[in-house]
Every structure is written in C-alpha cells, then in structure tokens.
C-alpha cells in the first residue's frame, strides 16, 4: 500500500525533496500500520475475553472490543486515503512550480 510517485515527478525534485517524499510515504504507512495493529489487538483481546471462562464477568467488555476493532480499522483506512490524496496533491503542486520555474529560467 505504498504511495507511488511517478518517476517523472521524482526526477523534477532535488535529492532533499525526493528524500522528503520517501519519509512522508513511510510516515503515512507507519500510521496506517499503527491503526491496523491497534485493531488487531482490540479484536484479539475481545475474542480472548469472550472465550476464557474465567473472564465471564467482563464478557461485555470483550463484545465491546470486538465491536470497536473494525471501527478503528475503518478510521485508519479512511485517514490513510485522505492523507494519501492530500500528500499526492501537494507533491504535484510542487513539481508544477518547479517545472514552471525551470521553463522561465528562474527560481522558485
């Protein structure tokens, strides 16, 4: 689920900007994986609470955790897509400014 930046976009960026693109890609992925991991932990804990007989007193908590786990995953996916679109839009704006500046022979 990596953000793919086209080769021509990366060619227009200098090394610092290209590395910033990669750092941003990794940060977006890391954030999504944190949401995913949290969702899995909530689901696992909920399932464990429900299945272990000694924890019958808190079975409602297990059900709540099982209900919340998919919500966390949906929020993570939604945020990933929203940030992906925003970051991609900013990259293309930057590249367009660079191309215009090169075409005019000036600076940014």
PDB file of N, CA and C in Angstrom:
ATOM      1  N   UNK A   1       0.826  -1.199   0.000  1.00  0.00           N
ATOM      2  CA  UNK A   1       0.000   0.000   0.000  1.00  0.00           C
ATOM      3  C   UNK A   1       0.868   1.259   0.000  1.00  0.00           C
ATOM      4  N   UNK A   2       1.900   1.230  -0.742  1.00  0.00           N
ATOM      5  CA  UNK A   2       2.787   2.393  -0.796  1.00  0.00           C
ATOM      6  C   UNK A   2       2.218   3.453  -1.709  1.00  0.00           C
ATOM      7  N   UNK A   3       2.495   4.701  -1.347  1.00  0.00           N
ATOM      8  CA  UNK A   3       2.137   5.811  -2.219  1.00  0.00           C
ATOM      9  C   UNK A   3       3.126   5.797  -3.372  1.00  0.00           C
ATOM     10  N   UNK A   4       2.635   5.660  -4.576  1.00  0.00           N
ATOM     11  CA  UNK A   4       3.508   5.616  -5.739  1.00  0.00           C
ATOM     12  C   UNK A   4       3.583   7.011  -6.342  1.00  0.00           C
ATOM     13  N   UNK A   5       4.779   7.528  -6.387  1.00  0.00           N
ATOM     14  CA  UNK A   5       5.023   8.805  -7.034  1.00  0.00           C
ATOM     15  C   UNK A   5       5.703   8.484  -8.360  1.00  0.00           C
ATOM     16  N   UNK A   6       5.155   8.990  -9.424  1.00  0.00           N
ATOM     17  CA  UNK A   6       5.668   8.675 -10.746  1.00  0.00           C
ATOM     18  C   UNK A   6       7.121   9.106 -10.885  1.00  0.00           C
ATOM     19  N   UNK A   7       7.828   8.392 -11.748  1.00  0.00           N
ATOM     20  CA  UNK A   7       9.247   8.653 -11.960  1.00  0.00           C
ATOM     21  C   UNK A   7       9.503  10.088 -12.408  1.00  0.00           C
ATOM     22  N   UNK A   8       8.651  10.624 -13.272  1.00  0.00           N
ATOM     23  CA  UNK A   8       8.895  11.983 -13.751  1.00  0.00           C
ATOM     24  C   UNK A   8       8.741  13.003 -12.635  1.00  0.00           C
ATOM     25  N   UNK A   9       7.904  12.700 -11.656  1.00  0.00           N
ATOM     26  CA  UNK A   9       7.760  13.603 -10.513  1.00  0.00           C
ATOM     27  C   UNK A   9       9.041  13.604  -9.707  1.00  0.00           C
ATOM     28  N   UNK A  10       9.562  12.422  -9.408  1.00  0.00           N
ATOM     29  CA  UNK A  10      10.791  12.341  -8.619  1.00  0.00           C
ATOM     30  C   UNK A  10      11.986  12.931  -9.359  1.00  0.00           C
ATOM     31  N   UNK A  11      12.000  12.841 -10.678  1.00  0.00           N
ATOM     32  CA  UNK A  11      13.097  13.412 -11.451  1.00  0.00           C
ATOM     33  C   UNK A  11      13.129  14.927 -11.338  1.00  0.00           C
ATOM     34  N   UNK A  12      11.980  15.547 -11.151  1.00  0.00           N
ATOM     35  CA  UNK A  12      11.922  17.003 -11.051  1.00  0.00           C
ATOM     36  C   UNK A  12      12.375  17.507  -9.680  1.00  0.00           C
ATOM     37  N   UNK A  13      12.405  16.646  -8.694  1.00  0.00           N
ATOM     38  CA  UNK A  13      12.764  17.058  -7.338  1.00  0.00           C
ATOM     39  C   UNK A  13      14.264  16.910  -7.123  1.00  0.00           C
ATOM     40  N   UNK A  14      14.806  17.774  -6.269  1.00  0.00           N
ATOM     41  CA  UNK A  14      16.203  17.588  -5.910  1.00  0.00           C
ATOM     42  C   UNK A  14      16.285  16.466  -4.870  1.00  0.00           C
ATOM     43  N   UNK A  15      17.472  16.111  -4.451  1.00  0.00           N
ATOM     44  CA  UNK A  15      17.656  14.967  -3.562  1.00  0.00           C
ATOM     45  C   UNK A  15      16.930  15.159  -2.239  1.00  0.00           C
ATOM     46  N   UNK A  16      17.027  16.355  -1.646  1.00  0.00           N
ATOM     47  CA  UNK A  16      16.354  16.599  -0.369  1.00  0.00           C
ATOM     48  C   UNK A  16      14.846  16.432  -0.494  1.00  0.00           C
ATOM     49  N   UNK A  17      14.281  16.960  -1.570  1.00  0.00           N
ATOM     50  CA  UNK A  17      12.835  16.836  -1.764  1.00  0.00           C
ATOM     51  C   UNK A  17      12.431  15.387  -2.017  1.00  0.00           C
ATOM     52  N   UNK A  18      13.232  14.670  -2.790  1.00  0.00           N
ATOM     53  CA  UNK A  18      12.922  13.261  -3.065  1.00  0.00           C
ATOM     54  C   UNK A  18      12.980  12.433  -1.786  1.00  0.00           C
ATOM     55  N   UNK A  19      13.964  12.726  -0.937  1.00  0.00           N
ATOM     56  CA  UNK A  19      14.041  12.019   0.339  1.00  0.00           C
ATOM     57  C   UNK A  19      12.879  12.397   1.252  1.00  0.00           C
ATOM     58  N   UNK A  20      12.448  13.642   1.191  1.00  0.00           N
ATOM     59  CA  UNK A  20      11.283  14.056   1.975  1.00  0.00           C
ATOM     60  C   UNK A  20      10.033  13.312   1.519  1.00  0.00           C
ATOM     61  N   UNK A  21       9.927  13.092   0.221  1.00  0.00           N
ATOM     62  CA  UNK A  21       8.798  12.313  -0.313  1.00  0.00           C
ATOM     63  C   UNK A  21       8.821  10.910   0.283  1.00  0.00           C
ATOM     64  N   UNK A  22       9.976  10.288   0.296  1.00  0.00           N
ATOM     65  CA  UNK A  22      10.079   8.930   0.839  1.00  0.00           C
ATOM     66  C   UNK A  22       9.785   8.905   2.329  1.00  0.00           C
ATOM     67  N   UNK A  23      10.286   9.894   3.087  1.00  0.00           N
ATOM     68  CA  UNK A  23       9.995   9.950   4.522  1.00  0.00           C
ATOM     69  C   UNK A  23       8.504  10.093   4.769  1.00  0.00           C
ATOM     70  N   UNK A  24       7.856  10.920   3.956  1.00  0.00           N
ATOM     71  CA  UNK A  24       6.419  11.104   4.091  1.00  0.00           C
ATOM     72  C   UNK A  24       5.680   9.817   3.766  1.00  0.00           C
ATOM     73  N   UNK A  25       6.094   9.131   2.717  1.00  0.00           N
ATOM     74  CA  UNK A  25       5.485   7.837   2.372  1.00  0.00           C
ATOM     75  C   UNK A  25       5.587   6.862   3.538  1.00  0.00           C
ATOM     76  N   UNK A  26       6.770   6.786   4.112  1.00  0.00           N
ATOM     77  CA  UNK A  26       6.975   5.865   5.226  1.00  0.00           C
ATOM     78  C   UNK A  26       6.147   6.264   6.441  1.00  0.00           C
ATOM     79  N   UNK A  27       6.023   7.554   6.697  1.00  0.00           N
ATOM     80  CA  UNK A  27       5.223   8.011   7.834  1.00  0.00           C
ATOM     81  C   UNK A  27       3.747   7.674   7.651  1.00  0.00           C
ATOM     82  N   UNK A  28       3.243   7.853   6.440  1.00  0.00           N
ATOM     83  CA  UNK A  28       1.841   7.528   6.166  1.00  0.00           C
ATOM     84  C   UNK A  28       1.607   6.032   6.352  1.00  0.00           C
ATOM     85  N   UNK A  29       2.509   5.222   5.843  1.00  0.00           N
ATOM     86  CA  UNK A  29       2.374   3.771   6.000  1.00  0.00           C
ATOM     87  C   UNK A  29       2.469   3.360   7.462  1.00  0.00           C
ATOM     88  N   UNK A  30       3.407   3.958   8.190  1.00  0.00           N
ATOM     89  CA  UNK A  30       3.594   3.629   9.599  1.00  0.00           C
ATOM     90  C   UNK A  30       2.345   3.961  10.408  1.00  0.00           C
ATOM     91  N   UNK A  31       1.715   5.080  10.088  1.00  0.00           N
ATOM     92  CA  UNK A  31       0.493   5.465  10.784  1.00  0.00           C
ATOM     93  C   UNK A  31      -0.634   4.483  10.487  1.00  0.00           C
ATOM     94  N   UNK A  32      -0.780   4.086   9.222  1.00  0.00           N
ATOM     95  CA  UNK A  32      -1.807   3.101   8.892  1.00  0.00           C
ATOM     96  C   UNK A  32      -1.555   1.788   9.627  1.00  0.00           C
ATOM     97  N   UNK A  33      -0.304   1.345   9.655  1.00  0.00           N
ATOM     98  CA  UNK A  33       0.014   0.093  10.339  1.00  0.00           C
ATOM     99  C   UNK A  33      -0.268   0.180  11.835  1.00  0.00           C
ATOM    100  N   UNK A  34      -0.114   1.354  12.429  1.00  0.00           N
ATOM    101  CA  UNK A  34      -0.461   1.527  13.841  1.00  0.00           C
ATOM    102  C   UNK A  34      -1.962   1.346  14.050  1.00  0.00           C
ATOM    103  N   UNK A  35      -2.769   1.918  13.160  1.00  0.00           N
ATOM    104  CA  UNK A  35      -4.217   1.699  13.240  1.00  0.00           C
ATOM    105  C   UNK A  35      -4.537   0.214  13.078  1.00  0.00           C
ATOM    106  N   UNK A  36      -3.923  -0.434  12.100  1.00  0.00           N
ATOM    107  CA  UNK A  36      -4.171  -1.852  11.849  1.00  0.00           C
ATOM    108  C   UNK A  36      -3.797  -2.693  13.065  1.00  0.00           C
ATOM    109  N   UNK A  37      -2.619  -2.420  13.621  1.00  0.00           N
ATOM    110  CA  UNK A  37      -2.140  -3.166  14.784  1.00  0.00           C
ATOM    111  C   UNK A  37      -3.080  -2.984  15.975  1.00  0.00           C
ATOM    112  N   UNK A  38      -3.542  -1.757  16.199  1.00  0.00           N
ATOM    113  CA  UNK A  38      -4.478  -1.491  17.289  1.00  0.00           C
ATOM    114  C   UNK A  38      -5.778  -2.253  17.082  1.00  0.00           C
ATOM    115  N   UNK A  39      -6.257  -2.275  15.864  1.00  0.00           N
ATOM    116  CA  UNK A  39      -7.481  -3.007  15.550  1.00  0.00           C
ATOM    117  C   UNK A  39      -7.318  -4.500  15.833  1.00  0.00           C
ATOM    118  N   UNK A  40      -6.208  -5.067  15.437  1.00  0.00           N
ATOM    119  CA  UNK A  40      -5.956  -6.495  15.667  1.00  0.00           C
ATOM    120  C   UNK A  40      -5.869  -6.790  17.161  1.00  0.00           C
ATOM    121  N   UNK A  41      -5.215  -5.929  17.916  1.00  0.00           N
ATOM    122  CA  UNK A  41      -5.088  -6.135  19.360  1.00  0.00           C
ATOM    123  C   UNK A  41      -6.461  -6.063  20.027  1.00  0.00           C
ATOM    124  N   UNK A  42      -7.280  -5.088  19.649  1.00  0.00           N
ATOM    125  CA  UNK A  42      -8.625  -4.989  20.219  1.00  0.00           C
ATOM    126  C   UNK A  42      -9.431  -6.248  19.902  1.00  0.00           C
ATOM    127  N   UNK A  43      -9.376  -6.712  18.663  1.00  0.00           N
ATOM    128  CA  UNK A  43     -10.125  -7.911  18.274  1.00  0.00           C
ATOM    129  C   UNK A  43      -9.615  -9.140  19.031  1.00  0.00           C
ATOM    130  N   UNK A  44      -8.314  -9.270  19.151  1.00  0.00           N
ATOM    131  CA  UNK A  44      -7.737 -10.412  19.868  1.00  0.00           C
ATOM    132  C   UNK A  44      -8.123 -10.394  21.340  1.00  0.00           C
ATOM    133  N   UNK A  45      -8.026  -9.237  21.957  1.00  0.00           N
ATOM    134  CA  UNK A  45      -8.393  -9.121  23.368  1.00  0.00           C
ATOM    135  C   UNK A  45      -9.876  -9.417  23.564  1.00  0.00           C
ATOM    136  N   UNK A  46     -10.704  -8.885  22.698  1.00  0.00           N
ATOM    137  CA  UNK A  46     -12.138  -9.144  22.805  1.00  0.00           C
ATOM    138  C   UNK A  46     -12.458 -10.612  22.655  1.00  0.00           C
ATOM    139  N   UNK A  47     -11.862 -11.263  21.671  1.00  0.00           N
ATOM    140  CA  UNK A  47     -12.094 -12.686  21.450  1.00  0.00           C
ATOM    141  C   UNK A  47     -11.619 -13.498  22.652  1.00  0.00           C
ATOM    142  N   UNK A  48     -10.465 -13.147  23.193  1.00  0.00           N
ATOM    143  CA  UNK A  48      -9.917 -13.860  24.348  1.00  0.00           C
ATOM    144  C   UNK A  48     -10.828 -13.717  25.555  1.00  0.00           C
ATOM    145  N   UNK A  49     -11.295 -12.513  25.820  1.00  0.00           N
ATOM    146  CA  UNK A  49     -12.182 -12.280  26.964  1.00  0.00           C
ATOM    147  C   UNK A  49     -13.459 -13.101  26.830  1.00  0.00           C
ATOM    148  N   UNK A  50     -13.993 -13.172  25.634  1.00  0.00           N
ATOM    149  CA  UNK A  50     -15.235 -13.920  25.420  1.00  0.00           C
ATOM    150  C   UNK A  50     -15.009 -15.426  25.585  1.00  0.00           C
ATOM    151  N   UNK A  51     -13.893 -15.938  25.106  1.00  0.00           N
ATOM    152  CA  UNK A  51     -13.651 -17.388  25.088  1.00  0.00           C
ATOM    153  C   UNK A  51     -13.139 -17.953  26.415  1.00  0.00           C
ATOM    154  N   UNK A  52     -12.513 -17.146  27.257  1.00  0.00           N
ATOM    155  CA  UNK A  52     -11.961 -17.648  28.514  1.00  0.00           C
ATOM    156  C   UNK A  52     -13.069 -17.658  29.564  1.00  0.00           C
ATOM    157  N   UNK A  53     -13.335 -18.831  30.114  1.00  0.00           N
ATOM    158  CA  UNK A  53     -14.447 -18.993  31.059  1.00  0.00           C
ATOM    159  C   UNK A  53     -14.228 -18.190  32.342  1.00  0.00           C
ATOM    160  N   UNK A  54     -12.986 -18.019  32.753  1.00  0.00           N
ATOM    161  CA  UNK A  54     -12.706 -17.296  33.993  1.00  0.00           C
ATOM    162  C   UNK A  54     -13.029 -15.808  33.878  1.00  0.00           C
ATOM    163  N   UNK A  55     -13.218 -15.314  32.674  1.00  0.00           N
ATOM    164  CA  UNK A  55     -13.479 -13.886  32.471  1.00  0.00           C
ATOM    165  C   UNK A  55     -14.940 -13.602  32.120  1.00  0.00           C
ATOM    166  N   UNK A  56     -15.851 -14.477  32.539  1.00  0.00           N
ATOM    167  CA  UNK A  56     -17.262 -14.296  32.204  1.00  0.00           C
ATOM    168  C   UNK A  56     -17.837 -12.991  32.746  1.00  0.00           C
ATOM    169  N   UNK A  57     -17.285 -12.489  33.846  1.00  0.00           N
ATOM    170  CA  UNK A  57     -17.799 -11.260  34.449  1.00  0.00           C
ATOM    171  C   UNK A  57     -17.602 -10.048  33.544  1.00  0.00           C
ATOM    172  N   UNK A  58     -16.626 -10.102  32.666  1.00  0.00           N
ATOM    173  CA  UNK A  58     -16.354  -8.953  31.790  1.00  0.00           C
ATOM    174  C   UNK A  58     -16.584  -9.295  30.319  1.00  0.00           C
ATOM    175  N   UNK A  59     -17.500 -10.208  30.077  1.00  0.00           N
ATOM    176  CA  UNK A  59     -17.786 -10.614  28.702  1.00  0.00           C
ATOM    177  C   UNK A  59     -18.275  -9.436  27.862  1.00  0.00           C
ATOM    178  N   UNK A  60     -18.992  -8.490  28.486  1.00  0.00           N
ATOM    179  CA  UNK A  60     -19.465  -7.306  27.760  1.00  0.00           C
ATOM    180  C   UNK A  60     -18.294  -6.480  27.235  1.00  0.00           C
ATOM    181  N   UNK A  61     -17.226  -6.431  28.008  1.00  0.00           N
ATOM    182  CA  UNK A  61     -16.026  -5.723  27.551  1.00  0.00           C
ATOM    183  C   UNK A  61     -15.458  -6.397  26.299  1.00  0.00           C
ATOM    184  N   UNK A  62     -15.451  -7.709  26.289  1.00  0.00           N
ATOM    185  CA  UNK A  62     -14.984  -8.439  25.113  1.00  0.00           C
ATOM    186  C   UNK A  62     -15.818  -8.133  23.888  1.00  0.00           C
ATOM    187  N   UNK A  63     -17.134  -8.087  24.074  1.00  0.00           N
ATOM    188  CA  UNK A  63     -18.017  -7.749  22.955  1.00  0.00           C
ATOM    189  C   UNK A  63     -17.769  -6.324  22.473  1.00  0.00           C
ATOM    190  N   UNK A  64     -17.558  -5.412  23.421  1.00  0.00           N
ATOM    191  CA  UNK A  64     -17.269  -4.021  23.054  1.00  0.00           C
ATOM    192  C   UNK A  64     -15.972  -3.932  22.247  1.00  0.00           C
ATOM    193  N   UNK A  65     -14.951  -4.645  22.694  1.00  0.00           N
ATOM    194  CA  UNK A  65     -13.677  -4.628  21.968  1.00  0.00           C
ATOM    195  C   UNK A  65     -13.832  -5.204  20.565  1.00  0.00           C
ATOM    196  N   UNK A  66     -14.609  -6.274  20.442  1.00  0.00           N
ATOM    197  CA  UNK A  66     -14.849  -6.843  19.108  1.00  0.00           C
ATOM    198  C   UNK A  66     -15.628  -5.885  18.222  1.00  0.00           C
ATOM    199  N   UNK A  67     -16.482  -5.073  18.799  1.00  0.00           N
ATOM    200  CA  UNK A  67     -17.258  -4.108  18.028  1.00  0.00           C
ATOM    201  C   UNK A  67     -16.403  -2.907  17.619  1.00  0.00           C
ATOM    202  N   UNK A  68     -15.498  -2.489  18.506  1.00  0.00           N
ATOM    203  CA  UNK A  68     -14.675  -1.304  18.245  1.00  0.00           C
ATOM    204  C   UNK A  68     -13.540  -1.602  17.260  1.00  0.00           C
ATOM    205  N   UNK A  69     -13.036  -2.822  17.236  1.00  0.00           N
ATOM    206  CA  UNK A  69     -11.892  -3.173  16.381  1.00  0.00           C
ATOM    207  C   UNK A  69     -12.110  -2.833  14.910  1.00  0.00           C
ATOM    208  N   UNK A  70     -13.243  -3.214  14.296  1.00  0.00           N
ATOM    209  CA  UNK A  70     -13.421  -2.844  12.887  1.00  0.00           C
ATOM    210  C   UNK A  70     -13.580  -1.340  12.682  1.00  0.00           C
ATOM    211  N   UNK A  71     -14.133  -0.660  13.687  1.00  0.00           N
ATOM    212  CA  UNK A  71     -14.254   0.800  13.569  1.00  0.00           C
ATOM    213  C   UNK A  71     -12.878   1.454  13.510  1.00  0.00           C
ATOM    214  N   UNK A  72     -11.973   0.978  14.337  1.00  0.00           N
ATOM    215  CA  UNK A  72     -10.610   1.517  14.324  1.00  0.00           C
ATOM    216  C   UNK A  72      -9.963   1.270  12.965  1.00  0.00           C
ATOM    217  N   UNK A  73     -10.170   0.089  12.421  1.00  0.00           N
ATOM    218  CA  UNK A  73      -9.599  -0.228  11.112  1.00  0.00           C
ATOM    219  C   UNK A  73     -10.186   0.662  10.022  1.00  0.00           C
ATOM    220  N   UNK A  74     -11.487   0.895  10.066  1.00  0.00           N
ATOM    221  CA  UNK A  74     -12.132   1.759   9.064  1.00  0.00           C
ATOM    222  C   UNK A  74     -11.603   3.185   9.176  1.00  0.00           C
ATOM    223  N   UNK A  75     -11.450   3.682  10.397  1.00  0.00           N
ATOM    224  CA  UNK A  75     -10.898   5.030  10.584  1.00  0.00           C
ATOM    225  C   UNK A  75      -9.469   5.091  10.046  1.00  0.00           C
ATOM    226  N   UNK A  76      -8.677   4.061  10.298  1.00  0.00           N
ATOM    227  CA  UNK A  76      -7.307   4.020   9.783  1.00  0.00           C
ATOM    228  C   UNK A  76      -7.253   4.034   8.267  1.00  0.00           C
ATOM    229  N   UNK A  77      -8.120   3.248   7.633  1.00  0.00           N
ATOM    230  CA  UNK A  77      -8.165   3.226   6.164  1.00  0.00           C
ATOM    231  C   UNK A  77      -8.613   4.572   5.626  1.00  0.00           C
ATOM    232  N   UNK A  78      -9.625   5.139   6.254  1.00  0.00           N
ATOM    233  CA  UNK A  78     -10.140   6.447   5.812  1.00  0.00           C
ATOM    234  C   UNK A  78      -9.055   7.517   5.919  1.00  0.00           C
ATOM    235  N   UNK A  79      -8.345   7.551   7.048  1.00  0.00           N
ATOM    236  CA  UNK A  79      -7.285   8.548   7.223  1.00  0.00           C
ATOM    237  C   UNK A  79      -6.140   8.308   6.247  1.00  0.00           C
ATOM    238  N   UNK A  80      -5.798   7.059   5.996  1.00  0.00           N
ATOM    239  CA  UNK A  80      -4.739   6.744   5.041  1.00  0.00           C
ATOM    240  C   UNK A  80      -5.089   7.299   3.664  1.00  0.00           C
ATOM    241  N   UNK A  81      -6.303   7.056   3.222  1.00  0.00           N
ATOM    242  CA  UNK A  81      -6.727   7.532   1.905  1.00  0.00           C
ATOM    243  C   UNK A  81      -6.744   9.056   1.864  1.00  0.00           C
ATOM    244  N   UNK A  82      -7.253   9.689   2.921  1.00  0.00           N
ATOM    245  CA  UNK A  82      -7.319  11.154   2.954  1.00  0.00           C
ATOM    246  C   UNK A  82      -5.924  11.771   2.915  1.00  0.00           C
ATOM    247  N   UNK A  83      -5.017  11.251   3.716  1.00  0.00           N
ATOM    248  CA  UNK A  83      -3.650  11.788   3.747  1.00  0.00           C
ATOM    249  C   UNK A  83      -2.937  11.481   2.434  1.00  0.00           C
ATOM    250  N   UNK A  84      -3.152  10.289   1.888  1.00  0.00           N
ATOM    251  CA  UNK A  84      -2.565   9.921   0.599  1.00  0.00           C
ATOM    252  C   UNK A  84      -2.938  10.946  -0.467  1.00  0.00           C
ATOM    253  N   UNK A  85      -4.218  11.269  -0.545  1.00  0.00           N
ATOM    254  CA  UNK A  85      -4.675  12.230  -1.559  1.00  0.00           C
ATOM    255  C   UNK A  85      -4.088  13.615  -1.323  1.00  0.00           C
ATOM    256  N   UNK A  86      -4.038  14.036  -0.073  1.00  0.00           N
ATOM    257  CA  UNK A  86      -3.509  15.364   0.244  1.00  0.00           C
ATOM    258  C   UNK A  86      -2.017  15.449  -0.086  1.00  0.00           C
ATOM    259  N   UNK A  87      -1.267  14.458   0.314  1.00  0.00           N
ATOM    260  CA  UNK A  87       0.181  14.454   0.064  1.00  0.00           C
ATOM    261  C   UNK A  87       0.460  14.417  -1.429  1.00  0.00           C
ATOM    262  N   UNK A  88      -0.240  13.561  -2.143  1.00  0.00           N
ATOM    263  CA  UNK A  88      -0.053  13.453  -3.594  1.00  0.00           C
ATOM    264  C   UNK A  88      -0.353  14.784  -4.281  1.00  0.00           C
ATOM    265  N   UNK A  89      -1.409  15.449  -3.854  1.00  0.00           N
ATOM    266  CA  UNK A  89      -1.773  16.746  -4.428  1.00  0.00           C
ATOM    267  C   UNK A  89      -0.661  17.772  -4.193  1.00  0.00           C
ATOM    268  N   UNK A  90      -0.097  17.785  -2.990  1.00  0.00           N
ATOM    269  CA  UNK A  90       0.976  18.726  -2.674  1.00  0.00           C
ATOM    270  C   UNK A  90       2.226  18.440  -3.501  1.00  0.00           C
ATOM    271  N   UNK A  91       2.558  17.158  -3.694  1.00  0.00           N
ATOM    272  CA  UNK A  91       3.723  16.816  -4.499  1.00  0.00           C
ATOM    273  C   UNK A  91       3.573  17.329  -5.919  1.00  0.00           C
ATOM    274  N   UNK A  92       2.420  17.118  -6.498  1.00  0.00           N
ATOM    275  CA  UNK A  92       2.230  17.546  -7.885  1.00  0.00           C
ATOM    276  C   UNK A  92       2.208  19.068  -8.001  1.00  0.00           C
ATOM    277  N   UNK A  93       1.715  19.762  -6.981  1.00  0.00           N
ATOM    278  CA  UNK A  93       1.794  21.230  -6.982  1.00  0.00           C
ATOM    279  C   UNK A  93       3.248  21.679  -6.961  1.00  0.00           C
ATOM    280  N   UNK A  94       4.044  21.035  -6.118  1.00  0.00           N
ATOM    281  CA  UNK A  94       5.459  21.385  -6.024  1.00  0.00           C
ATOM    282  C   UNK A  94       6.170  21.137  -7.353  1.00  0.00           C
ATOM    283  N   UNK A  95       5.912  20.006  -7.954  1.00  0.00           N
ATOM    284  CA  UNK A  95       6.552  19.681  -9.234  1.00  0.00           C
ATOM    285  C   UNK A  95       6.130  20.674 -10.306  1.00  0.00           C
ATOM    286  N   UNK A  96       4.879  21.051 -10.312  1.00  0.00           N
ATOM    287  CA  UNK A  96       4.402  22.025 -11.302  1.00  0.00           C
ATOM    288  C   UNK A  96       5.118  23.362 -11.122  1.00  0.00           C
ATOM    289  N   UNK A  97       5.310  23.781  -9.865  1.00  0.00           N
ATOM    290  CA  UNK A  97       6.056  25.023  -9.615  1.00  0.00           C
ATOM    291  C   UNK A  97       7.493  24.900 -10.099  1.00  0.00           C
ATOM    292  N   UNK A  98       8.112  23.754  -9.866  1.00  0.00           N
ATOM    293  CA  UNK A  98       9.491  23.535 -10.306  1.00  0.00           C
ATOM    294  C   UNK A  98       9.576  23.581 -11.825  1.00  0.00           C
ATOM    295  N   UNK A  99       8.647  22.941 -12.494  1.00  0.00           N
ATOM    296  CA  UNK A  99       8.649  22.931 -13.958  1.00  0.00           C
ATOM    297  C   UNK A  99       8.458  24.334 -14.522  1.00  0.00           C
ATOM    298  N   UNK A 100       7.551  25.113 -13.933  1.00  0.00           N
ATOM    299  CA  UNK A 100       7.333  26.486 -14.400  1.00  0.00           C
ATOM    300  C   UNK A 100       8.583  27.327 -14.194  1.00  0.00           C
ATOM    301  N   UNK A 101       9.230  27.143 -13.033  1.00  0.00           N
ATOM    302  CA  UNK A 101      10.441  27.909 -12.754  1.00  0.00           C
ATOM    303  C   UNK A 101      11.560  27.533 -13.726  1.00  0.00           C
ATOM    304  N   UNK A 102      11.693  26.259 -14.035  1.00  0.00           N
ATOM    305  CA  UNK A 102      12.717  25.828 -14.993  1.00  0.00           C
ATOM    306  C   UNK A 102      12.411  26.356 -16.386  1.00  0.00           C
ATOM    307  N   UNK A 103      11.145  26.349 -16.729  1.00  0.00           N
ATOM    308  CA  UNK A 103      10.742  26.831 -18.049  1.00  0.00           C
ATOM    309  C   UNK A 103      11.039  28.326 -18.204  1.00  0.00           C
ATOM    310  N   UNK A 104      10.805  29.068 -17.125  1.00  0.00           N
ATOM    311  CA  UNK A 104      11.060  30.509 -17.162  1.00  0.00           C
ATOM    312  C   UNK A 104      12.531  30.825 -16.927  1.00  0.00           C
ATOM    313  N   UNK A 105      13.262  29.838 -16.430  1.00  0.00           N
ATOM    314  CA  UNK A 105      14.682  30.057 -16.180  1.00  0.00           C
ATOM    315  C   UNK A 105      14.942  30.748 -14.861  1.00  0.00           C
ATOM    316  N   UNK A 106      13.960  30.778 -14.006  1.00  0.00           N
ATOM    317  CA  UNK A 106      14.108  31.460 -12.726  1.00  0.00           C
ATOM    318  C   UNK A 106      14.136  30.497 -11.563  1.00  0.00           C
ATOM    319  N   UNK A 107      14.002  31.085 -10.382  1.00  0.00           N
ATOM    320  CA  UNK A 107      13.976  30.301  -9.144  1.00  0.00           C
ATOM    321  C   UNK A 107      12.536  30.104  -8.701  1.00  0.00           C
ATOM    322  N   UNK A 108      12.370  29.237  -7.703  1.00  0.00           N
ATOM    323  CA  UNK A 108      11.053  29.010  -7.130  1.00  0.00           C
ATOM    324  C   UNK A 108      10.629  30.261  -6.420  1.00  0.00           C
TER     325      UNK A 108
END
